[in-house]
């Protein structure tokens, strides 16, 4: 009674069964990292605007604040991702 045209697809079902809770945790961690990056960059740029207003150097501290905060945020994200996804 074995019909060769019927294929057993049970191994595909086992691969598709994932823990949705662990996937949700990963998504929330990554979205949290994006929010942290946005906050760091916003604070750095805001600090640059305030420093430019105080010292009357229009584009200097805005550039320093935005580029410095971008560099800091990028470093922070790389550091956090390396902790979230350790190498085997």
N, C-alpha and C. Protein backbone atom coordinates (compact mmCIF):
# COMPACT_ATOMS: atom_id res chain seq x y z
N UNK A 1 0.79 -1.20 0.00
CA UNK A 1 0.00 0.00 0.00
C UNK A 1 0.84 1.26 0.00
N UNK A 2 2.13 1.17 -0.19
CA UNK A 2 2.96 2.36 -0.30
C UNK A 2 2.78 2.99 -1.66
N UNK A 3 2.37 4.19 -1.66
CA UNK A 3 2.17 4.92 -2.90
C UNK A 3 3.39 5.83 -3.08
N UNK A 4 4.20 5.64 -4.11
CA UNK A 4 5.41 6.45 -4.28
C UNK A 4 5.11 7.91 -4.61
N UNK A 5 3.92 8.23 -5.01
CA UNK A 5 3.62 9.62 -5.33
C UNK A 5 3.31 10.45 -4.08
N UNK A 6 3.08 9.81 -2.94
CA UNK A 6 2.82 10.54 -1.71
C UNK A 6 4.15 10.72 -0.98
N UNK A 7 4.47 11.97 -0.68
CA UNK A 7 5.74 12.30 -0.05
C UNK A 7 5.49 12.64 1.41
N UNK A 8 6.33 12.12 2.27
CA UNK A 8 6.22 12.41 3.69
C UNK A 8 6.84 13.78 3.96
N UNK A 9 6.03 14.71 4.38
CA UNK A 9 6.48 16.07 4.61
C UNK A 9 6.63 16.39 6.09
N UNK A 10 6.71 15.40 6.93
CA UNK A 10 6.77 15.65 8.37
C UNK A 10 8.06 16.34 8.78
N UNK A 11 9.16 16.12 8.06
CA UNK A 11 10.41 16.78 8.44
C UNK A 11 10.35 18.27 8.19
N UNK A 12 9.51 18.72 7.23
CA UNK A 12 9.34 20.15 7.01
C UNK A 12 8.56 20.79 8.16
N UNK A 13 7.61 20.09 8.69
CA UNK A 13 6.79 20.61 9.77
C UNK A 13 7.64 20.82 11.02
N UNK A 14 8.55 19.93 11.29
CA UNK A 14 9.39 20.06 12.48
C UNK A 14 10.31 21.27 12.37
N UNK A 15 10.78 21.59 11.19
CA UNK A 15 11.62 22.77 11.03
C UNK A 15 10.81 24.05 11.22
N UNK A 16 9.57 24.03 10.82
CA UNK A 16 8.74 25.22 10.92
C UNK A 16 8.28 25.49 12.35
N UNK A 17 8.30 24.47 13.19
CA UNK A 17 7.88 24.65 14.58
C UNK A 17 8.98 25.31 15.37
N UNK A 18 8.84 26.60 15.58
CA UNK A 18 9.80 27.35 16.37
C UNK A 18 9.10 27.88 17.60
N UNK A 19 9.90 28.26 18.54
CA UNK A 19 9.34 28.85 19.74
C UNK A 19 9.05 30.32 19.46
N UNK A 20 7.78 30.71 19.38
CA UNK A 20 7.47 32.11 19.05
C UNK A 20 7.90 33.08 20.15
N UNK A 21 8.04 32.59 21.37
CA UNK A 21 8.45 33.46 22.46
C UNK A 21 9.91 33.88 22.28
N UNK A 22 10.77 32.95 21.88
CA UNK A 22 12.18 33.31 21.67
C UNK A 22 12.35 34.25 20.48
N UNK A 23 11.55 34.07 19.43
CA UNK A 23 11.60 35.00 18.30
C UNK A 23 11.14 36.39 18.73
N UNK A 24 10.12 36.45 19.56
CA UNK A 24 9.63 37.74 20.03
C UNK A 24 10.67 38.44 20.90
N UNK A 25 11.39 37.67 21.71
CA UNK A 25 12.45 38.26 22.54
C UNK A 25 13.55 38.86 21.67
N UNK A 26 13.91 38.16 20.59
CA UNK A 26 14.94 38.68 19.69
C UNK A 26 14.48 39.99 19.04
N UNK A 27 13.24 40.03 18.59
CA UNK A 27 12.73 41.23 17.95
C UNK A 27 12.68 42.40 18.93
N UNK A 28 12.28 42.14 20.16
CA UNK A 28 12.23 43.23 21.13
C UNK A 28 13.62 43.72 21.50
N UNK A 29 14.60 42.81 21.56
CA UNK A 29 15.97 43.24 21.84
C UNK A 29 16.50 44.12 20.71
N UNK A 30 16.26 43.70 19.47
CA UNK A 30 16.76 44.48 18.34
C UNK A 30 16.03 45.81 18.21
N UNK A 31 14.74 45.84 18.48
CA UNK A 31 14.03 47.12 18.40
C UNK A 31 14.47 48.03 19.54
N UNK A 32 14.79 47.45 20.69
CA UNK A 32 15.34 48.24 21.78
C UNK A 32 16.68 48.84 21.44
N UNK A 33 17.50 48.10 20.71
CA UNK A 33 18.79 48.61 20.27
C UNK A 33 18.61 49.78 19.30
N UNK A 34 17.61 49.68 18.43
CA UNK A 34 17.35 50.78 17.50
C UNK A 34 16.90 52.04 18.25
N UNK A 35 16.09 51.84 19.28
CA UNK A 35 15.66 52.99 20.08
C UNK A 35 16.84 53.61 20.82
N UNK A 36 17.73 52.79 21.35
CA UNK A 36 18.91 53.31 22.03
C UNK A 36 19.78 54.11 21.07
N UNK A 37 19.94 53.59 19.85
CA UNK A 37 20.75 54.29 18.87
C UNK A 37 20.13 55.65 18.55
N UNK A 38 18.83 55.69 18.40
CA UNK A 38 18.15 56.96 18.12
C UNK A 38 18.28 57.95 19.26
N UNK A 39 18.18 57.47 20.49
CA UNK A 39 18.30 58.36 21.64
C UNK A 39 19.72 58.91 21.76
N UNK A 40 20.72 58.06 21.57
CA UNK A 40 22.12 58.51 21.65
C UNK A 40 22.39 59.58 20.59
N UNK A 41 21.93 59.33 19.37
CA UNK A 41 22.18 60.30 18.29
C UNK A 41 21.41 61.61 18.52
N UNK A 42 20.19 61.51 19.04
CA UNK A 42 19.41 62.71 19.32
C UNK A 42 20.06 63.55 20.41
N UNK A 43 20.50 62.91 21.49
CA UNK A 43 21.15 63.64 22.57
C UNK A 43 22.47 64.28 22.12
N UNK A 44 23.25 63.56 21.30
CA UNK A 44 24.50 64.13 20.80
C UNK A 44 24.28 65.33 19.91
N UNK A 45 23.30 65.25 19.03
CA UNK A 45 23.00 66.37 18.15
C UNK A 45 22.42 67.55 18.93
N UNK A 46 21.55 67.26 19.88
CA UNK A 46 20.97 68.32 20.72
C UNK A 46 22.07 69.01 21.53
N UNK A 47 23.00 68.22 22.06
CA UNK A 47 24.12 68.82 22.78
C UNK A 47 24.98 69.69 21.87
N UNK A 48 25.15 69.28 20.63
CA UNK A 48 25.90 70.08 19.67
C UNK A 48 25.20 71.39 19.34
N UNK A 49 23.89 71.34 19.22
CA UNK A 49 23.12 72.57 18.95
C UNK A 49 23.25 73.53 20.12
N UNK A 50 23.11 73.01 21.33
CA UNK A 50 23.22 73.87 22.52
C UNK A 50 24.63 74.44 22.67
N UNK A 51 25.65 73.62 22.38
CA UNK A 51 27.03 74.11 22.47
C UNK A 51 27.30 75.17 21.41
N UNK A 52 26.75 75.00 20.22
CA UNK A 52 26.91 76.02 19.18
C UNK A 52 26.21 77.32 19.57
N UNK A 53 25.07 77.23 20.21
CA UNK A 53 24.37 78.44 20.64
C UNK A 53 25.15 79.14 21.75
N UNK A 54 25.78 78.38 22.61
CA UNK A 54 26.52 78.97 23.72
C UNK A 54 27.83 79.61 23.27
N UNK A 55 28.57 78.89 22.41
CA UNK A 55 29.89 79.37 21.96
C UNK A 55 29.83 80.17 20.66
N UNK A 56 28.68 80.29 20.04
CA UNK A 56 28.47 81.04 18.79
C UNK A 56 29.37 80.52 17.66
N UNK A 57 29.49 79.22 17.56
CA UNK A 57 30.21 78.58 16.46
C UNK A 57 29.20 77.70 15.74
N UNK A 58 28.54 78.26 14.75
CA UNK A 58 27.35 77.65 14.19
C UNK A 58 27.48 76.17 13.78
N UNK A 59 28.28 75.76 12.81
CA UNK A 59 28.19 74.35 12.43
C UNK A 59 29.17 73.42 13.16
N UNK A 60 30.09 73.96 13.92
CA UNK A 60 31.18 73.14 14.47
C UNK A 60 30.69 72.08 15.45
N UNK A 61 30.01 72.48 16.50
CA UNK A 61 29.61 71.52 17.53
C UNK A 61 28.43 70.65 17.10
N UNK A 62 27.64 71.14 16.17
CA UNK A 62 26.58 70.28 15.62
C UNK A 62 27.21 69.10 14.89
N UNK A 63 28.24 69.38 14.09
CA UNK A 63 28.93 68.30 13.39
C UNK A 63 29.65 67.36 14.36
N UNK A 64 30.34 67.94 15.33
CA UNK A 64 31.06 67.11 16.31
C UNK A 64 30.07 66.26 17.11
N UNK A 65 28.97 66.88 17.54
CA UNK A 65 27.98 66.14 18.33
C UNK A 65 27.30 65.05 17.54
N UNK A 66 26.91 65.34 16.31
CA UNK A 66 26.20 64.33 15.52
C UNK A 66 27.13 63.20 15.07
N UNK A 67 28.33 63.53 14.61
CA UNK A 67 29.27 62.48 14.20
C UNK A 67 29.79 61.68 15.39
N UNK A 68 30.04 62.37 16.48
CA UNK A 68 30.50 61.66 17.68
C UNK A 68 29.43 60.75 18.25
N UNK A 69 28.19 61.22 18.28
CA UNK A 69 27.11 60.38 18.80
C UNK A 69 26.81 59.23 17.85
N UNK A 70 26.94 59.44 16.54
CA UNK A 70 26.76 58.33 15.60
C UNK A 70 27.83 57.27 15.82
N UNK A 71 29.08 57.70 16.00
CA UNK A 71 30.16 56.75 16.25
C UNK A 71 29.94 55.99 17.55
N UNK A 72 29.53 56.70 18.58
CA UNK A 72 29.26 56.06 19.87
C UNK A 72 28.10 55.08 19.75
N UNK A 73 27.04 55.46 19.06
CA UNK A 73 25.88 54.58 18.89
C UNK A 73 26.25 53.35 18.08
N UNK A 74 27.04 53.52 17.04
CA UNK A 74 27.46 52.38 16.23
C UNK A 74 28.33 51.42 17.04
N UNK A 75 29.24 51.96 17.84
CA UNK A 75 30.05 51.12 18.72
C UNK A 75 29.18 50.37 19.71
N UNK A 76 28.21 51.07 20.30
CA UNK A 76 27.32 50.46 21.28
C UNK A 76 26.50 49.32 20.65
N UNK A 77 25.98 49.55 19.45
CA UNK A 77 25.18 48.54 18.76
C UNK A 77 26.03 47.31 18.43
N UNK A 78 27.23 47.51 17.92
CA UNK A 78 28.10 46.38 17.59
C UNK A 78 28.44 45.60 18.85
N UNK A 79 28.70 46.29 19.94
CA UNK A 79 29.02 45.62 21.19
C UNK A 79 27.83 44.81 21.70
N UNK A 80 26.63 45.37 21.64
CA UNK A 80 25.45 44.67 22.12
C UNK A 80 25.08 43.50 21.23
N UNK A 81 25.21 43.64 19.92
CA UNK A 81 24.89 42.55 19.02
C UNK A 81 25.87 41.39 19.19
N UNK A 82 27.12 41.70 19.46
CA UNK A 82 28.08 40.62 19.68
C UNK A 82 27.76 39.86 20.95
N UNK A 83 27.12 40.51 21.94
CA UNK A 83 26.70 39.80 23.15
C UNK A 83 25.42 39.01 22.91
N UNK A 84 24.54 39.50 22.02
CA UNK A 84 23.31 38.80 21.74
C UNK A 84 23.53 37.56 20.88
N UNK A 85 24.45 37.64 19.94
CA UNK A 85 24.73 36.54 19.04
C UNK A 85 26.18 36.09 19.20
N UNK A 86 26.48 35.31 20.23
CA UNK A 86 27.86 34.87 20.40
C UNK A 86 28.29 33.91 19.30
N UNK A 87 29.57 33.99 18.95
CA UNK A 87 30.08 33.11 17.90
C UNK A 87 30.23 31.70 18.46
N UNK A 88 29.96 30.70 17.63
CA UNK A 88 30.09 29.32 18.12
C UNK A 88 31.51 28.88 18.32
